Amino acid sequence: MASTSVHLPPALVEQLDRLAAERGTSRNRVILEACEELLAQHRGDWPAGFFDSDLGPQDLQELRSGGTEMESAILQSRRDRSVPPL
């Protein structure tokens, strides 16, 4: 694992140490988890396990087909600049 040097204010280090002690982990682990969480929020990642499912092959094929159909409809609508019917 790569390492880096970060300069933190003493008050922040104290808070990190207290949190690490409460969680029974290291300061490094707390900082690592905070960085991962920030990056996940920034990217808009889906929560772990969000796409886990027990769908069968037929279900997955229908889902893919529906997604492809929806994508085609969206792209067609984007090309057609006329007012959509109400």
PDB file of N, CA and C in Angstrom:
ATOM      1  N   MET A   1       0.845  -1.169   0.000  1.00  0.00           N
ATOM      2  CA  MET A   1       0.000   0.000   0.000  1.00  0.00           C
ATOM      3  C   MET A   1       0.890   1.230   0.000  1.00  0.00           C
ATOM      4  N   ALA A   2       0.511   2.236  -0.774  1.00  0.00           N
ATOM      5  CA  ALA A   2       1.291   3.477  -0.837  1.00  0.00           C
ATOM      6  C   ALA A   2       1.124   4.262   0.462  1.00  0.00           C
ATOM      7  N   SER A   3       2.099   5.074   0.763  1.00  0.00           N
ATOM      8  CA  SER A   3       1.993   5.927   1.949  1.00  0.00           C
ATOM      9  C   SER A   3       2.110   7.383   1.524  1.00  0.00           C
ATOM     10  N   THR A   4       1.597   8.245   2.375  1.00  0.00           N
ATOM     11  CA  THR A   4       1.656   9.681   2.118  1.00  0.00           C
ATOM     12  C   THR A   4       1.803  10.408   3.444  1.00  0.00           C
ATOM     13  N   SER A   5       2.189  11.640   3.364  1.00  0.00           N
ATOM     14  CA  SER A   5       2.339  12.449   4.563  1.00  0.00           C
ATOM     15  C   SER A   5       1.288  13.552   4.528  1.00  0.00           C
ATOM     16  N   VAL A   6       0.553  13.691   5.627  1.00  0.00           N
ATOM     17  CA  VAL A   6      -0.488  14.706   5.723  1.00  0.00           C
ATOM     18  C   VAL A   6      -0.255  15.485   7.000  1.00  0.00           C
ATOM     19  N   HIS A   7      -0.370  16.788   6.916  1.00  0.00           N
ATOM     20  CA  HIS A   7      -0.187  17.644   8.084  1.00  0.00           C
ATOM     21  C   HIS A   7      -1.552  18.033   8.617  1.00  0.00           C
ATOM     22  N   LEU A   8      -1.832  17.643   9.866  1.00  0.00           N
ATOM     23  CA  LEU A   8      -3.141  17.885  10.475  1.00  0.00           C
ATOM     24  C   LEU A   8      -2.997  18.758  11.714  1.00  0.00           C
ATOM     25  N   PRO A   9      -3.980  19.603  11.969  1.00  0.00           N
ATOM     26  CA  PRO A   9      -3.955  20.403  13.194  1.00  0.00           C
ATOM     27  C   PRO A   9      -4.047  19.488  14.417  1.00  0.00           C
ATOM     28  N   PRO A  10      -3.398  19.854  15.505  1.00  0.00           N
ATOM     29  CA  PRO A  10      -3.410  19.007  16.705  1.00  0.00           C
ATOM     30  C   PRO A  10      -4.821  18.657  17.193  1.00  0.00           C
ATOM     31  N   ALA A  11      -5.744  19.596  17.126  1.00  0.00           N
ATOM     32  CA  ALA A  11      -7.105  19.321  17.598  1.00  0.00           C
ATOM     33  C   ALA A  11      -7.770  18.232  16.753  1.00  0.00           C
ATOM     34  N   LEU A  12      -7.498  18.236  15.460  1.00  0.00           N
ATOM     35  CA  LEU A  12      -8.063  17.214  14.585  1.00  0.00           C
ATOM     36  C   LEU A  12      -7.458  15.843  14.891  1.00  0.00           C
ATOM     37  N   VAL A  13      -6.159  15.810  15.135  1.00  0.00           N
ATOM     38  CA  VAL A  13      -5.488  14.554  15.490  1.00  0.00           C
ATOM     39  C   VAL A  13      -6.081  13.991  16.778  1.00  0.00           C
ATOM     40  N   GLU A  14      -6.344  14.851  17.744  1.00  0.00           N
ATOM     41  CA  GLU A  14      -6.955  14.395  18.997  1.00  0.00           C
ATOM     42  C   GLU A  14      -8.330  13.796  18.752  1.00  0.00           C
ATOM     43  N   GLN A  15      -9.123  14.442  17.913  1.00  0.00           N
ATOM     44  CA  GLN A  15     -10.454  13.917  17.606  1.00  0.00           C
ATOM     45  C   GLN A  15     -10.359  12.573  16.881  1.00  0.00           C
ATOM     46  N   LEU A  16      -9.422  12.477  15.949  1.00  0.00           N
ATOM     47  CA  LEU A  16      -9.226  11.210  15.235  1.00  0.00           C
ATOM     48  C   LEU A  16      -8.808  10.100  16.190  1.00  0.00           C
ATOM     49  N   ASP A  17      -7.915  10.420  17.114  1.00  0.00           N
ATOM     50  CA  ASP A  17      -7.462   9.426  18.089  1.00  0.00           C
ATOM     51  C   ASP A  17      -8.604   8.968  18.995  1.00  0.00           C
ATOM     52  N   ARG A  18      -9.452   9.911  19.428  1.00  0.00           N
ATOM     53  CA  ARG A  18     -10.608   9.542  20.265  1.00  0.00           C
ATOM     54  C   ARG A  18     -11.561   8.630  19.498  1.00  0.00           C
ATOM     55  N   LEU A  19     -11.840   8.991  18.240  1.00  0.00           N
ATOM     56  CA  LEU A  19     -12.737   8.176  17.424  1.00  0.00           C
ATOM     57  C   LEU A  19     -12.149   6.791  17.192  1.00  0.00           C
ATOM     58  N   ALA A  20     -10.868   6.734  16.904  1.00  0.00           N
ATOM     59  CA  ALA A  20     -10.205   5.446  16.686  1.00  0.00           C
ATOM     60  C   ALA A  20     -10.298   4.584  17.944  1.00  0.00           C
ATOM     61  N   ALA A  21     -10.084   5.183  19.107  1.00  0.00           N
ATOM     62  CA  ALA A  21     -10.168   4.436  20.367  1.00  0.00           C
ATOM     63  C   ALA A  21     -11.594   3.932  20.603  1.00  0.00           C
ATOM     64  N   GLU A  22     -12.583   4.783  20.327  1.00  0.00           N
ATOM     65  CA  GLU A  22     -13.984   4.371  20.492  1.00  0.00           C
ATOM     66  C   GLU A  22     -14.324   3.199  19.587  1.00  0.00           C
ATOM     67  N   ARG A  23     -13.770   3.213  18.380  1.00  0.00           N
ATOM     68  CA  ARG A  23     -14.069   2.169  17.407  1.00  0.00           C
ATOM     69  C   ARG A  23     -13.139   0.967  17.524  1.00  0.00           C
ATOM     70  N   GLY A  24     -12.132   1.086  18.345  1.00  0.00           N
ATOM     71  CA  GLY A  24     -11.189  -0.019  18.517  1.00  0.00           C
ATOM     72  C   GLY A  24     -10.342  -0.267  17.279  1.00  0.00           C
ATOM     73  N   THR A  25      -9.969   0.818  16.624  1.00  0.00           N
ATOM     74  CA  THR A  25      -9.182   0.705  15.402  1.00  0.00           C
ATOM     75  C   THR A  25      -8.056   1.745  15.439  1.00  0.00           C
ATOM     76  N   SER A  26      -7.310   1.835  14.380  1.00  0.00           N
ATOM     77  CA  SER A  26      -6.192   2.779  14.345  1.00  0.00           C
ATOM     78  C   SER A  26      -6.611   4.117  13.736  1.00  0.00           C
ATOM     79  N   ARG A  27      -5.822   5.128  14.012  1.00  0.00           N
ATOM     80  CA  ARG A  27      -6.038   6.438  13.406  1.00  0.00           C
ATOM     81  C   ARG A  27      -5.956   6.313  11.884  1.00  0.00           C
ATOM     82  N   ASN A  28      -4.998   5.542  11.407  1.00  0.00           N
ATOM     83  CA  ASN A  28      -4.838   5.337   9.968  1.00  0.00           C
ATOM     84  C   ASN A  28      -6.120   4.772   9.357  1.00  0.00           C
ATOM     85  N   ARG A  29      -6.736   3.788  10.022  1.00  0.00           N
ATOM     86  CA  ARG A  29      -7.960   3.169   9.513  1.00  0.00           C
ATOM     87  C   ARG A  29      -9.096   4.199   9.456  1.00  0.00           C
ATOM     88  N   VAL A  30      -9.205   5.049  10.469  1.00  0.00           N
ATOM     89  CA  VAL A  30     -10.250   6.077  10.499  1.00  0.00           C
ATOM     90  C   VAL A  30     -10.051   7.043   9.334  1.00  0.00           C
ATOM     91  N   ILE A  31      -8.821   7.462   9.105  1.00  0.00           N
ATOM     92  CA  ILE A  31      -8.529   8.392   8.012  1.00  0.00           C
ATOM     93  C   ILE A  31      -8.809   7.725   6.668  1.00  0.00           C
ATOM     94  N   LEU A  32      -8.400   6.471   6.521  1.00  0.00           N
ATOM     95  CA  LEU A  32      -8.630   5.730   5.278  1.00  0.00           C
ATOM     96  C   LEU A  32     -10.130   5.621   4.979  1.00  0.00           C
ATOM     97  N   GLU A  33     -10.922   5.254   5.993  1.00  0.00           N
ATOM     98  CA  GLU A  33     -12.368   5.128   5.799  1.00  0.00           C
ATOM     99  C   GLU A  33     -13.009   6.473   5.472  1.00  0.00           C
ATOM    100  N   ALA A  34     -12.541   7.534   6.107  1.00  0.00           N
ATOM    101  CA  ALA A  34     -13.074   8.870   5.823  1.00  0.00           C
ATOM    102  C   ALA A  34     -12.772   9.266   4.376  1.00  0.00           C
ATOM    103  N   CYS A  35     -11.570   8.983   3.916  1.00  0.00           N
ATOM    104  CA  CYS A  35     -11.203   9.300   2.528  1.00  0.00           C
ATOM    105  C   CYS A  35     -12.048   8.488   1.547  1.00  0.00           C
ATOM    106  N   GLU A  36     -12.226   7.202   1.825  1.00  0.00           N
ATOM    107  CA  GLU A  36     -13.045   6.358   0.949  1.00  0.00           C
ATOM    108  C   GLU A  36     -14.482   6.858   0.887  1.00  0.00           C
ATOM    109  N   GLU A  37     -15.018   7.240   2.033  1.00  0.00           N
ATOM    110  CA  GLU A  37     -16.395   7.744   2.074  1.00  0.00           C
ATOM    111  C   GLU A  37     -16.528   9.048   1.286  1.00  0.00           C
ATOM    112  N   LEU A  38     -15.573   9.940   1.441  1.00  0.00           N
ATOM    113  CA  LEU A  38     -15.604  11.205   0.716  1.00  0.00           C
ATOM    114  C   LEU A  38     -15.547  10.965  -0.787  1.00  0.00           C
ATOM    115  N   LEU A  39     -14.668  10.077  -1.218  1.00  0.00           N
ATOM    116  CA  LEU A  39     -14.552   9.783  -2.645  1.00  0.00           C
ATOM    117  C   LEU A  39     -15.827   9.137  -3.175  1.00  0.00           C
ATOM    118  N   ALA A  40     -16.422   8.249  -2.414  1.00  0.00           N
ATOM    119  CA  ALA A  40     -17.669   7.603  -2.836  1.00  0.00           C
ATOM    120  C   ALA A  40     -18.778   8.633  -2.979  1.00  0.00           C
ATOM    121  N   GLN A  41     -18.853   9.585  -2.068  1.00  0.00           N
ATOM    122  CA  GLN A  41     -19.874  10.632  -2.159  1.00  0.00           C
ATOM    123  C   GLN A  41     -19.612  11.519  -3.366  1.00  0.00           C
ATOM    124  N   HIS A  42     -18.373  11.804  -3.614  1.00  0.00           N
ATOM    125  CA  HIS A  42     -18.012  12.687  -4.727  1.00  0.00           C
ATOM    126  C   HIS A  42     -18.354  12.043  -6.068  1.00  0.00           C
ATOM    127  N   ARG A  43     -18.091  10.748  -6.181  1.00  0.00           N
ATOM    128  CA  ARG A  43     -18.358  10.038  -7.426  1.00  0.00           C
ATOM    129  C   ARG A  43     -19.815   9.617  -7.535  1.00  0.00           C
ATOM    130  N   GLY A  44     -20.530   9.622  -6.433  1.00  0.00           N
ATOM    131  CA  GLY A  44     -21.910   9.165  -6.485  1.00  0.00           C
ATOM    132  C   GLY A  44     -22.002   7.656  -6.597  1.00  0.00           C
ATOM    133  N   ASP A  45     -21.026   6.963  -6.047  1.00  0.00           N
ATOM    134  CA  ASP A  45     -21.040   5.510  -6.116  1.00  0.00           C
ATOM    135  C   ASP A  45     -22.276   4.941  -5.444  1.00  0.00           C
ATOM    136  N   TRP A  46     -22.690   3.815  -5.923  1.00  0.00           N
ATOM    137  CA  TRP A  46     -23.783   3.080  -5.305  1.00  0.00           C
ATOM    138  C   TRP A  46     -23.245   2.382  -4.058  1.00  0.00           C
ATOM    139  N   PRO A  47     -24.066   2.206  -3.039  1.00  0.00           N
ATOM    140  CA  PRO A  47     -23.614   1.504  -1.834  1.00  0.00           C
ATOM    141  C   PRO A  47     -23.177   0.076  -2.162  1.00  0.00           C
ATOM    142  N   ALA A  48     -22.249  -0.430  -1.365  1.00  0.00           N
ATOM    143  CA  ALA A  48     -21.772  -1.802  -1.564  1.00  0.00           C
ATOM    144  C   ALA A  48     -22.957  -2.754  -1.516  1.00  0.00           C
ATOM    145  N   GLY A  49     -22.992  -3.670  -2.449  1.00  0.00           N
ATOM    146  CA  GLY A  49     -24.052  -4.672  -2.487  1.00  0.00           C
ATOM    147  C   GLY A  49     -25.340  -4.220  -3.139  1.00  0.00           C
ATOM    148  N   PHE A  50     -25.391  -2.957  -3.599  1.00  0.00           N
ATOM    149  CA  PHE A  50     -26.627  -2.420  -4.158  1.00  0.00           C
ATOM    150  C   PHE A  50     -27.097  -3.240  -5.355  1.00  0.00           C
ATOM    151  N   PHE A  51     -26.150  -3.683  -6.182  1.00  0.00           N
ATOM    152  CA  PHE A  51     -26.516  -4.422  -7.378  1.00  0.00           C
ATOM    153  C   PHE A  51     -26.461  -5.933  -7.187  1.00  0.00           C
ATOM    154  N   ASP A  52     -26.167  -6.374  -5.982  1.00  0.00           N
ATOM    155  CA  ASP A  52     -26.173  -7.811  -5.721  1.00  0.00           C
ATOM    156  C   ASP A  52     -27.616  -8.302  -5.762  1.00  0.00           C
ATOM    157  N   SER A  53     -27.820  -9.385  -6.428  1.00  0.00           N
ATOM    158  CA  SER A  53     -29.175  -9.943  -6.485  1.00  0.00           C
ATOM    159  C   SER A  53     -29.091 -11.419  -6.783  1.00  0.00           C
ATOM    160  N   ASP A  54     -30.211 -12.051  -6.678  1.00  0.00           N
ATOM    161  CA  ASP A  54     -30.272 -13.462  -7.014  1.00  0.00           C
ATOM    162  C   ASP A  54     -31.169 -13.652  -8.232  1.00  0.00           C
ATOM    163  N   LEU A  55     -31.082 -12.692  -9.176  1.00  0.00           N
ATOM    164  CA  LEU A  55     -31.843 -12.805 -10.408  1.00  0.00           C
ATOM    165  C   LEU A  55     -31.291 -13.949 -11.236  1.00  0.00           C
ATOM    166  N   GLY A  56     -32.188 -14.660 -11.866  1.00  0.00           N
ATOM    167  CA  GLY A  56     -31.780 -15.748 -12.740  1.00  0.00           C
ATOM    168  C   GLY A  56     -31.386 -15.221 -14.110  1.00  0.00           C
ATOM    169  N   PRO A  57     -30.869 -16.093 -14.964  1.00  0.00           N
ATOM    170  CA  PRO A  57     -30.430 -15.680 -16.298  1.00  0.00           C
ATOM    171  C   PRO A  57     -31.560 -15.050 -17.124  1.00  0.00           C
ATOM    172  N   GLN A  58     -32.759 -15.598 -17.038  1.00  0.00           N
ATOM    173  CA  GLN A  58     -33.897 -15.050 -17.789  1.00  0.00           C
ATOM    174  C   GLN A  58     -34.237 -13.647 -17.294  1.00  0.00           C
ATOM    175  N   ASP A  59     -34.226 -13.457 -15.958  1.00  0.00           N
ATOM    176  CA  ASP A  59     -34.501 -12.133 -15.385  1.00  0.00           C
ATOM    177  C   ASP A  59     -33.470 -11.115 -15.844  1.00  0.00           C
ATOM    178  N   LEU A  60     -32.203 -11.508 -15.821  1.00  0.00           N
ATOM    179  CA  LEU A  60     -31.142 -10.598 -16.244  1.00  0.00           C
ATOM    180  C   LEU A  60     -31.280 -10.233 -17.719  1.00  0.00           C
ATOM    181  N   GLN A  61     -31.642 -11.215 -18.547  1.00  0.00           N
ATOM    182  CA  GLN A  61     -31.819 -10.947 -19.977  1.00  0.00           C
ATOM    183  C   GLN A  61     -32.954  -9.959 -20.196  1.00  0.00           C
ATOM    184  N   GLU A  62     -34.063 -10.126 -19.472  1.00  0.00           N
ATOM    185  CA  GLU A  62     -35.190  -9.202 -19.595  1.00  0.00           C
ATOM    186  C   GLU A  62     -34.801  -7.801 -19.104  1.00  0.00           C
ATOM    187  N   LEU A  63     -34.033  -7.743 -18.040  1.00  0.00           N
ATOM    188  CA  LEU A  63     -33.576  -6.453 -17.515  1.00  0.00           C
ATOM    189  C   LEU A  63     -32.680  -5.743 -18.523  1.00  0.00           C
ATOM    190  N   ARG A  64     -31.752  -6.478 -19.116  1.00  0.00           N
ATOM    191  CA  ARG A  64     -30.874  -5.893 -20.138  1.00  0.00           C
ATOM    192  C   ARG A  64     -31.677  -5.416 -21.342  1.00  0.00           C
ATOM    193  N   SER A  65     -32.625  -6.225 -21.774  1.00  0.00           N
ATOM    194  CA  SER A  65     -33.451  -5.867 -22.917  1.00  0.00           C
ATOM    195  C   SER A  65     -34.248  -4.597 -22.638  1.00  0.00           C
ATOM    196  N   GLY A  66     -34.838  -4.517 -21.452  1.00  0.00           N
ATOM    197  CA  GLY A  66     -35.598  -3.327 -21.072  1.00  0.00           C
ATOM    198  C   GLY A  66     -34.709  -2.100 -20.995  1.00  0.00           C
ATOM    199  N   GLY A  67     -33.506  -2.267 -20.491  1.00  0.00           N
ATOM    200  CA  GLY A  67     -32.567  -1.149 -20.411  1.00  0.00           C
ATOM    201  C   GLY A  67     -32.166  -0.655 -21.789  1.00  0.00           C
ATOM    202  N   THR A  68     -31.920  -1.588 -22.689  1.00  0.00           N
ATOM    203  CA  THR A  68     -31.565  -1.225 -24.063  1.00  0.00           C
ATOM    204  C   THR A  68     -32.718  -0.502 -24.746  1.00  0.00           C
ATOM    205  N   GLU A  69     -33.929  -1.000 -24.547  1.00  0.00           N
ATOM    206  CA  GLU A  69     -35.115  -0.362 -25.126  1.00  0.00           C
ATOM    207  C   GLU A  69     -35.297   1.064 -24.576  1.00  0.00           C
ATOM    208  N   MET A  70     -35.109   1.229 -23.280  1.00  0.00           N
ATOM    209  CA  MET A  70     -35.248   2.546 -22.670  1.00  0.00           C
ATOM    210  C   MET A  70     -34.169   3.497 -23.202  1.00  0.00           C
ATOM    211  N   GLU A  71     -32.938   3.014 -23.316  1.00  0.00           N
ATOM    212  CA  GLU A  71     -31.859   3.846 -23.828  1.00  0.00           C
ATOM    213  C   GLU A  71     -32.152   4.297 -25.261  1.00  0.00           C
ATOM    214  N   SER A  72     -32.656   3.408 -26.082  1.00  0.00           N
ATOM    215  CA  SER A  72     -32.995   3.757 -27.461  1.00  0.00           C
ATOM    216  C   SER A  72     -34.074   4.834 -27.500  1.00  0.00           C
ATOM    217  N   ALA A  73     -35.092   4.688 -26.666  1.00  0.00           N
ATOM    218  CA  ALA A  73     -36.172   5.672 -26.621  1.00  0.00           C
ATOM    219  C   ALA A  73     -35.653   7.038 -26.173  1.00  0.00           C
ATOM    220  N   ILE A  74     -34.773   7.051 -25.196  1.00  0.00           N
ATOM    221  CA  ILE A  74     -34.199   8.311 -24.719  1.00  0.00           C
ATOM    222  C   ILE A  74     -33.374   8.971 -25.816  1.00  0.00           C
ATOM    223  N   LEU A  75     -32.532   8.189 -26.480  1.00  0.00           N
ATOM    224  CA  LEU A  75     -31.700   8.752 -27.544  1.00  0.00           C
ATOM    225  C   LEU A  75     -32.554   9.274 -28.691  1.00  0.00           C
ATOM    226  N   GLN A  76     -33.603   8.568 -29.041  1.00  0.00           N
ATOM    227  CA  GLN A  76     -34.495   9.015 -30.102  1.00  0.00           C
ATOM    228  C   GLN A  76     -35.175  10.320 -29.700  1.00  0.00           C
ATOM    229  N   SER A  77     -35.592  10.414 -28.463  1.00  0.00           N
ATOM    230  CA  SER A  77     -36.245  11.632 -27.981  1.00  0.00           C
ATOM    231  C   SER A  77     -35.279  12.807 -28.006  1.00  0.00           C
ATOM    232  N   ARG A  78     -34.025  12.555 -27.761  1.00  0.00           N
ATOM    233  CA  ARG A  78     -33.034  13.634 -27.761  1.00  0.00           C
ATOM    234  C   ARG A  78     -32.803  14.157 -29.166  1.00  0.00           C
ATOM    235  N   ARG A  79     -32.952  13.299 -30.175  1.00  0.00           N
ATOM    236  CA  ARG A  79     -32.767  13.728 -31.563  1.00  0.00           C
ATOM    237  C   ARG A  79     -33.992  14.470 -32.078  1.00  0.00           C
ATOM    238  N   ASP A  80     -35.152  14.122 -31.547  1.00  0.00           N
ATOM    239  CA  ASP A  80     -36.410  14.710 -31.994  1.00  0.00           C
ATOM    240  C   ASP A  80     -36.713  15.923 -31.117  1.00  0.00           C
ATOM    241  N   ARG A  81     -36.529  17.105 -31.665  1.00  0.00           N
ATOM    242  CA  ARG A  81     -36.710  18.336 -30.892  1.00  0.00           C
ATOM    243  C   ARG A  81     -38.148  18.845 -30.891  1.00  0.00           C
ATOM    244  N   SER A  82     -39.078  18.074 -31.471  1.00  0.00           N
ATOM    245  CA  SER A  82     -40.468  18.523 -31.482  1.00  0.00           C
ATOM    246  C   SER A  82     -41.059  18.410 -30.076  1.00  0.00           C
ATOM    247  N   VAL A  83     -42.184  19.093 -29.882  1.00  0.00           N
ATOM    248  CA  VAL A  83     -42.853  19.083 -28.590  1.00  0.00           C
ATOM    249  C   VAL A  83     -43.468  17.695 -28.374  1.00  0.00           C
ATOM    250  N   PRO A  84     -43.191  17.064 -27.232  1.00  0.00           N
ATOM    251  CA  PRO A  84     -43.746  15.731 -26.993  1.00  0.00           C
ATOM    252  C   PRO A  84     -45.261  15.781 -26.817  1.00  0.00           C
ATOM    253  N   PRO A  85     -45.970  14.733 -27.232  1.00  0.00           N
ATOM    254  CA  PRO A  85     -47.421  14.704 -27.071  1.00  0.00           C
ATOM    255  C   PRO A  85     -47.801  14.648 -25.592  1.00  0.00           C
ATOM    256  N   LEU A  86     -48.901  15.311 -25.274  1.00  0.00           N
ATOM    257  CA  LEU A  86     -49.364  15.298 -23.878  1.00  0.00           C
ATOM    258  C   LEU A  86     -50.506  14.354 -23.688  1.00  0.00           C
TER     259      LEU A  86
END
